[in-house]
Amino acid sequence: MKIKLGASGTDAIALKLRNASERVSDRARKVMHRKADQIVELAKLQAPVDKHNLEDSIEKRVTYGLRGRLQVDITVGGIVRGVDVSQYAVQIHENYNQMQMGEGTKQKQKDNPQVVVGRKFLSRAVEFHREALKQEMIQDVLKVWKL
């Protein structure tokens, strides 16, 4: 004997919404991780370089907030090789245009002419990927809903 379970009316809609939201969540998580990794990579490429502590301090941090919600943050600063680079990171991010470009940064800029190495390295990386992140999230929702 076969048993067929189904739902109709508002129950069917609620079931479809629940199933779709789980698929959207999985896709959204993957997009968030992928884009965060791309932002970190670009921010490191755009960051001025001296001893590489600043670049090495740029990272993706993943936590789970209320009700297990995924939270992806891009951070800069903290302790790198025993040195706290937090204040240095803020100064470089905000005021690098007022400073003399060091030899390491000059070489990095020469090696990577497609990017601007310097001030606002993290903000510019986020801005560069912002629209693509938004569009990928929208496209993934549309795929799940088959729209």
C-alpha atoms as a PDB file:
ATOM      1  CA  MET A   1       0.000   0.000   0.000  1.00  0.00           C
ATOM      2  CA  LYS A   2       1.305   3.431  -0.939  1.00  0.00           C
ATOM      3  CA  ILE A   3       0.798   6.380   1.275  1.00  0.00           C
ATOM      4  CA  LYS A   4       0.840   9.791  -0.293  1.00  0.00           C
ATOM      5  CA  LEU A   5       1.293  12.792   1.904  1.00  0.00           C
ATOM      6  CA  GLY A   6       0.366  16.169   0.582  1.00  0.00           C
ATOM      7  CA  ALA A   7      -0.849  19.549   1.533  1.00  0.00           C
ATOM      8  CA  SER A   8      -3.328  21.856  -0.033  1.00  0.00           C
ATOM      9  CA  GLY A   9      -4.316  25.493   0.233  1.00  0.00           C
ATOM     10  CA  THR A  10      -2.356  27.601   2.686  1.00  0.00           C
ATOM     11  CA  ASP A  11      -0.581  24.514   4.082  1.00  0.00           C
ATOM     12  CA  ALA A  12       0.860  23.800   0.634  1.00  0.00           C
ATOM     13  CA  ILE A  13       2.027  27.378   0.258  1.00  0.00           C
ATOM     14  CA  ALA A  14       3.618  27.366   3.714  1.00  0.00           C
ATOM     15  CA  LEU A  15       5.402  24.084   2.936  1.00  0.00           C
ATOM     16  CA  LYS A  16       6.732  25.457  -0.375  1.00  0.00           C
ATOM     17  CA  LEU A  17       7.900  28.634   1.332  1.00  0.00           C
ATOM     18  CA  ARG A  18       9.690  26.674   4.043  1.00  0.00           C
ATOM     19  CA  ASN A  19      11.413  24.399   1.532  1.00  0.00           C
ATOM     20  CA  ALA A  20      12.365  27.298  -0.721  1.00  0.00           C
ATOM     21  CA  SER A  21      13.713  29.328   2.181  1.00  0.00           C
ATOM     22  CA  GLU A  22      16.020  26.463   3.157  1.00  0.00           C
ATOM     23  CA  ARG A  23      17.359  26.224  -0.403  1.00  0.00           C
ATOM     24  CA  VAL A  24      17.757  30.009  -0.601  1.00  0.00           C
ATOM     25  CA  SER A  25      19.608  29.981   2.740  1.00  0.00           C
ATOM     26  CA  ASP A  26      22.069  27.361   1.500  1.00  0.00           C
ATOM     27  CA  ARG A  27      22.700  29.284  -1.697  1.00  0.00           C
ATOM     28  CA  ALA A  28      22.936  32.599   0.154  1.00  0.00           C
ATOM     29  CA  ARG A  29      25.511  31.163   2.568  1.00  0.00           C
ATOM     30  CA  LYS A  30      27.656  30.002  -0.334  1.00  0.00           C
ATOM     31  CA  VAL A  31      27.425  33.398  -2.037  1.00  0.00           C
ATOM     32  CA  MET A  32      28.290  35.200   1.202  1.00  0.00           C
ATOM     33  CA  HIS A  33      31.357  33.013   1.771  1.00  0.00           C
ATOM     34  CA  ARG A  34      32.537  33.295  -1.831  1.00  0.00           C
ATOM     35  CA  LYS A  35      32.127  37.074  -1.979  1.00  0.00           C
ATOM     36  CA  ALA A  36      33.747  37.567   1.433  1.00  0.00           C
ATOM     37  CA  ASP A  37      36.758  35.570   0.216  1.00  0.00           C
ATOM     38  CA  GLN A  38      36.942  37.763  -2.904  1.00  0.00           C
ATOM     39  CA  ILE A  39      36.717  40.945  -0.814  1.00  0.00           C
ATOM     40  CA  VAL A  40      39.534  39.727   1.457  1.00  0.00           C
ATOM     41  CA  GLU A  41      41.693  38.868  -1.562  1.00  0.00           C
ATOM     42  CA  LEU A  42      41.163  42.278  -3.176  1.00  0.00           C
ATOM     43  CA  ALA A  43      41.632  44.196   0.100  1.00  0.00           C
ATOM     44  CA  LYS A  44      44.952  42.417   0.657  1.00  0.00           C
ATOM     45  CA  LEU A  45      46.007  43.284  -2.883  1.00  0.00           C
ATOM     46  CA  GLN A  46      45.060  46.957  -2.379  1.00  0.00           C
ATOM     47  CA  ALA A  47      46.637  47.283   1.089  1.00  0.00           C
ATOM     48  CA  PRO A  48      49.970  49.087   1.363  1.00  0.00           C
ATOM     49  CA  VAL A  49      52.816  46.781   2.353  1.00  0.00           C
ATOM     50  CA  ASP A  50      55.755  47.118   4.683  1.00  0.00           C
ATOM     51  CA  LYS A  51      56.226  43.930   6.702  1.00  0.00           C
ATOM     52  CA  HIS A  52      52.995  42.240   5.496  1.00  0.00           C
ATOM     53  CA  ASN A  53      51.359  42.493   8.954  1.00  0.00           C
ATOM     54  CA  LEU A  54      48.579  44.710   7.641  1.00  0.00           C
ATOM     55  CA  GLU A  55      47.790  42.380   4.738  1.00  0.00           C
ATOM     56  CA  ASP A  56      47.931  39.335   6.995  1.00  0.00           C
ATOM     57  CA  SER A  57      45.495  40.937   9.437  1.00  0.00           C
ATOM     58  CA  ILE A  58      42.739  41.153   6.797  1.00  0.00           C
ATOM     59  CA  GLU A  59      40.462  38.151   7.197  1.00  0.00           C
ATOM     60  CA  LYS A  60      36.978  36.759   6.982  1.00  0.00           C
ATOM     61  CA  ARG A  61      35.411  35.920  10.334  1.00  0.00           C
ATOM     62  CA  VAL A  62      32.401  33.648  10.439  1.00  0.00           C
ATOM     63  CA  THR A  63      30.098  33.484  13.443  1.00  0.00           C
ATOM     64  CA  TYR A  64      26.535  32.494  14.071  1.00  0.00           C
ATOM     65  CA  GLY A  65      24.309  35.066  15.730  1.00  0.00           C
ATOM     66  CA  LEU A  66      20.806  34.900  17.087  1.00  0.00           C
ATOM     67  CA  ARG A  67      18.895  31.784  16.096  1.00  0.00           C
ATOM     68  CA  GLY A  68      21.970  30.443  14.309  1.00  0.00           C
ATOM     69  CA  ARG A  69      22.033  33.159  11.662  1.00  0.00           C
ATOM     70  CA  LEU A  70      25.228  33.265   9.668  1.00  0.00           C
ATOM     71  CA  GLN A  71      27.302  36.377  10.170  1.00  0.00           C
ATOM     72  CA  VAL A  72      30.275  37.013   7.873  1.00  0.00           C
ATOM     73  CA  ASP A  73      32.560  39.907   8.740  1.00  0.00           C
ATOM     74  CA  ILE A  74      35.693  41.161   7.038  1.00  0.00           C
ATOM     75  CA  THR A  75      38.128  42.437   9.645  1.00  0.00           C
ATOM     76  CA  VAL A  76      41.453  44.217   9.665  1.00  0.00           C
ATOM     77  CA  GLY A  77      43.771  44.705  12.603  1.00  0.00           C
ATOM     78  CA  GLY A  78      44.450  42.642  15.684  1.00  0.00           C
ATOM     79  CA  ILE A  79      47.581  40.775  16.672  1.00  0.00           C
ATOM     80  CA  VAL A  80      49.839  39.591  13.839  1.00  0.00           C
ATOM     81  CA  ARG A  81      53.175  37.959  14.664  1.00  0.00           C
ATOM     82  CA  GLY A  82      53.010  39.437  18.164  1.00  0.00           C
ATOM     83  CA  VAL A  83      52.267  42.984  16.980  1.00  0.00           C
ATOM     84  CA  ASP A  84      48.916  44.747  17.450  1.00  0.00           C
ATOM     85  CA  VAL A  85      48.256  46.381  14.078  1.00  0.00           C
ATOM     86  CA  SER A  86      44.774  47.716  14.881  1.00  0.00           C
ATOM     87  CA  GLN A  87      45.631  51.404  15.202  1.00  0.00           C
ATOM     88  CA  TYR A  88      48.099  51.162  12.329  1.00  0.00           C
ATOM     89  CA  ALA A  89      45.372  49.606  10.150  1.00  0.00           C
ATOM     90  CA  VAL A  90      42.980  52.479  10.872  1.00  0.00           C
ATOM     91  CA  GLN A  91      45.662  55.100  10.178  1.00  0.00           C
ATOM     92  CA  ILE A  92      46.693  53.476   6.892  1.00  0.00           C
ATOM     93  CA  HIS A  93      43.097  52.889   5.790  1.00  0.00           C
ATOM     94  CA  GLU A  94      41.991  56.443   6.510  1.00  0.00           C
ATOM     95  CA  ASN A  95      45.094  58.593   5.987  1.00  0.00           C
ATOM     96  CA  TYR A  96      47.499  56.798   3.671  1.00  0.00           C
ATOM     97  CA  ASN A  97      47.184  59.490   0.995  1.00  0.00           C
ATOM     98  CA  GLN A  98      48.986  61.872   3.387  1.00  0.00           C
ATOM     99  CA  MET A  99      51.929  59.488   3.855  1.00  0.00           C
ATOM    100  CA  GLN A 100      55.033  58.718   1.835  1.00  0.00           C
ATOM    101  CA  MET A 101      54.676  55.508  -0.191  1.00  0.00           C
ATOM    102  CA  GLY A 102      57.239  52.956   0.984  1.00  0.00           C
ATOM    103  CA  GLU A 103      59.388  50.774  -1.262  1.00  0.00           C
ATOM    104  CA  GLY A 104      57.278  47.668  -0.655  1.00  0.00           C
ATOM    105  CA  THR A 105      54.104  49.506  -1.631  1.00  0.00           C
ATOM    106  CA  LYS A 106      55.764  51.021  -4.711  1.00  0.00           C
ATOM    107  CA  GLN A 107      56.805  47.550  -5.853  1.00  0.00           C
ATOM    108  CA  LYS A 108      53.376  46.107  -5.111  1.00  0.00           C
ATOM    109  CA  GLN A 109      51.718  48.878  -7.148  1.00  0.00           C
ATOM    110  CA  LYS A 110      54.166  48.276 -10.003  1.00  0.00           C
ATOM    111  CA  ASP A 111      53.439  44.526  -9.911  1.00  0.00           C
ATOM    112  CA  ASN A 112      49.650  45.110  -9.832  1.00  0.00           C
ATOM    113  CA  PRO A 113      48.848  48.042 -12.139  1.00  0.00           C
ATOM    114  CA  GLN A 114      45.186  46.947 -12.352  1.00  0.00           C
ATOM    115  CA  VAL A 115      44.533  48.067  -8.751  1.00  0.00           C
ATOM    116  CA  VAL A 116      45.260  51.125  -6.640  1.00  0.00           C
ATOM    117  CA  VAL A 117      47.375  50.204  -3.646  1.00  0.00           C
ATOM    118  CA  GLY A 118      46.708  52.578  -0.778  1.00  0.00           C
ATOM    119  CA  ARG A 119      44.039  54.392   1.201  1.00  0.00           C
ATOM    120  CA  LYS A 120      40.601  52.853   1.804  1.00  0.00           C
ATOM    121  CA  PHE A 121      41.858  49.427   0.692  1.00  0.00           C
ATOM    122  CA  LEU A 122      39.070  47.609   2.551  1.00  0.00           C
ATOM    123  CA  SER A 123      36.234  50.015   1.732  1.00  0.00           C
ATOM    124  CA  ARG A 124      37.153  49.973  -1.952  1.00  0.00           C
ATOM    125  CA  ALA A 125      37.222  46.168  -2.004  1.00  0.00           C
ATOM    126  CA  VAL A 126      33.733  46.028  -0.484  1.00  0.00           C
ATOM    127  CA  GLU A 127      32.423  48.622  -2.946  1.00  0.00           C
ATOM    128  CA  PHE A 128      33.938  46.756  -5.881  1.00  0.00           C
ATOM    129  CA  HIS A 129      32.026  43.577  -4.978  1.00  0.00           C
ATOM    130  CA  ARG A 130      28.819  45.140  -3.574  1.00  0.00           C
ATOM    131  CA  GLU A 131      26.692  45.100  -6.735  1.00  0.00           C
ATOM    132  CA  ALA A 132      27.841  41.615  -7.789  1.00  0.00           C
ATOM    133  CA  LEU A 133      26.963  40.274  -4.334  1.00  0.00           C
ATOM    134  CA  LYS A 134      23.510  41.819  -4.548  1.00  0.00           C
ATOM    135  CA  GLN A 135      22.915  40.458  -8.051  1.00  0.00           C
ATOM    136  CA  GLU A 136      24.115  36.938  -7.169  1.00  0.00           C
ATOM    137  CA  MET A 137      21.796  36.845  -4.168  1.00  0.00           C
ATOM    138  CA  ILE A 138      18.860  37.963  -6.318  1.00  0.00           C
ATOM    139  CA  GLN A 139      19.682  35.447  -9.050  1.00  0.00           C
ATOM    140  CA  ASP A 140      19.913  32.600  -6.542  1.00  0.00           C
ATOM    141  CA  VAL A 141      16.512  33.458  -5.089  1.00  0.00           C
ATOM    142  CA  LEU A 142      15.036  33.612  -8.578  1.00  0.00           C
ATOM    143  CA  LYS A 143      16.545  30.203  -9.436  1.00  0.00           C
ATOM    144  CA  VAL A 144      15.036  28.617  -6.333  1.00  0.00           C
ATOM    145  CA  TRP A 145      11.654  30.137  -7.079  1.00  0.00           C
ATOM    146  CA  LYS A 146      12.056  29.363 -10.810  1.00  0.00           C
ATOM    147  CA  LEU A 147      11.104  32.895 -11.805  1.00  0.00           C
END
